[in-house]
Amino acid sequence: MSVAINSNYESSIDLYVSVNSDWLSDTHTPYVTQLYKIAQTLDTSTRMSVGLTTEFRMTLTALNNLKPSQEETEKKSSDDEFLAAMGL
C-alpha cells in the first residue's frame, strides 16, 4: 500500500485509482468523477467544509464497497480458466 505524505485530495484520488486499477472499470466512472470534482473543490477552498469532506468520505466508501471480494475474484478466475480449457 502506498501512502502519500503532504498530498492534496486530487493526488490522493490519482493514487487510489492507480492502486485499484485492477478492478476499477467504466462502471465506476461516476464515483471517480464525483471524487475528482469534490477533491478539486476541497483543494482550492480556503475553508474546510464539513459537508464536502463528508461527501468525499461517503463517495469513497461507496466505491470501496463495490470492490469485488477475494472469493469473487478467485471464482471468476477459476471460471475463466475452465472456459479457456474448454476452448470457449
Protein backbone atom coordinates (compact mmCIF):
# COMPACT_ATOMS: atom_id res chain seq x y z
CA MET A 1 0.00 0.00 0.00
CA SER A 2 1.28 3.44 -0.92
CA VAL A 3 0.78 6.44 1.30
CA ALA A 4 1.30 9.95 0.03
CA ILE A 5 2.62 12.36 2.63
CA ASN A 6 1.62 16.04 2.26
CA SER A 7 -0.78 15.12 -0.50
CA ASN A 8 -3.81 17.04 -1.66
CA TYR A 9 -7.22 15.48 -2.27
CA GLU A 10 -6.85 15.25 -6.03
CA SER A 11 -3.49 13.49 -5.92
CA SER A 12 -4.92 11.07 -3.33
CA ILE A 13 -7.57 10.09 -5.91
CA ASP A 14 -4.83 9.64 -8.52
CA LEU A 15 -3.06 7.28 -6.13
CA TYR A 16 -6.29 5.43 -5.28
CA VAL A 17 -7.13 4.87 -8.96
CA SER A 18 -3.59 3.73 -9.69
CA VAL A 19 -3.52 1.24 -6.83
CA ASN A 20 -7.02 -0.11 -7.61
CA SER A 21 -6.82 -0.16 -11.41
CA ASP A 22 -7.09 -3.96 -11.43
CA TRP A 23 -10.79 -3.84 -10.50
CA LEU A 24 -11.95 -0.34 -11.44
CA SER A 25 -13.86 -0.21 -14.73
CA ASP A 26 -16.05 2.12 -16.76
CA THR A 27 -18.99 1.37 -14.47
CA HIS A 28 -17.12 3.10 -11.63
CA THR A 29 -16.55 6.32 -13.61
CA PRO A 30 -19.40 8.27 -11.94
CA TYR A 31 -17.89 7.64 -8.50
CA VAL A 32 -14.37 8.55 -9.59
CA THR A 33 -15.63 11.67 -11.40
CA GLN A 34 -17.55 12.76 -8.32
CA LEU A 35 -14.47 12.22 -6.17
CA TYR A 36 -12.37 14.36 -8.53
CA LYS A 37 -14.94 17.17 -8.52
CA ILE A 38 -15.15 17.18 -4.73
CA ALA A 39 -11.36 16.95 -4.48
CA GLN A 40 -10.87 19.94 -6.77
CA THR A 41 -13.25 21.99 -4.63
CA LEU A 42 -11.59 20.92 -1.39
CA ASP A 43 -8.10 21.58 -2.74
CA THR A 44 -8.94 25.11 -3.89
CA SER A 45 -11.09 26.11 -0.94
CA THR A 46 -9.65 28.36 1.74
CA ARG A 47 -12.01 26.87 4.36
CA MET A 48 -12.52 23.20 5.07
CA SER A 49 -16.15 22.23 4.50
CA VAL A 50 -17.53 19.54 6.78
CA GLY A 51 -20.23 18.76 4.22
CA LEU A 52 -17.77 18.27 1.37
CA THR A 53 -15.35 16.18 3.41
CA THR A 54 -18.27 14.01 4.49
CA GLU A 55 -19.44 13.68 0.88
CA PHE A 56 -15.88 12.77 -0.17
CA ARG A 57 -15.66 10.08 2.51
CA MET A 58 -19.11 8.68 1.70
CA THR A 59 -18.39 8.53 -2.04
CA LEU A 60 -15.06 6.82 -1.43
CA THR A 61 -16.73 4.34 0.95
CA ALA A 62 -19.44 3.59 -1.64
CA LEU A 63 -16.77 2.98 -4.28
CA ASN A 64 -14.79 0.72 -1.93
CA ASN A 65 -17.95 -1.29 -1.26
CA LEU A 66 -18.09 -2.12 -4.98
CA LYS A 67 -14.66 -3.76 -4.86
CA PRO A 68 -15.02 -7.48 -5.53
CA SER A 69 -14.23 -9.73 -2.60
CA GLN A 70 -11.28 -12.11 -2.77
CA GLU A 71 -13.72 -15.03 -3.12
CA GLU A 72 -15.46 -13.41 -6.11
CA THR A 73 -12.12 -12.73 -7.77
CA GLU A 74 -10.93 -16.31 -7.25
CA LYS A 75 -14.24 -17.75 -8.51
CA LYS A 76 -14.15 -15.63 -11.67
CA SER A 77 -10.54 -16.59 -12.26
CA SER A 78 -11.27 -20.31 -11.93
CA ASP A 79 -14.34 -19.98 -14.19
CA ASP A 80 -12.24 -18.19 -16.81
CA GLU A 81 -9.57 -20.90 -16.64
CA PHE A 82 -12.22 -23.62 -17.04
CA LEU A 83 -13.78 -21.91 -20.08
CA ALA A 84 -10.32 -21.37 -21.62
CA ALA A 85 -9.52 -25.05 -21.13
CA MET A 86 -12.75 -25.93 -22.89
CA GLY A 87 -11.79 -23.66 -25.80
CA LEU A 88 -14.62 -21.22 -25.15
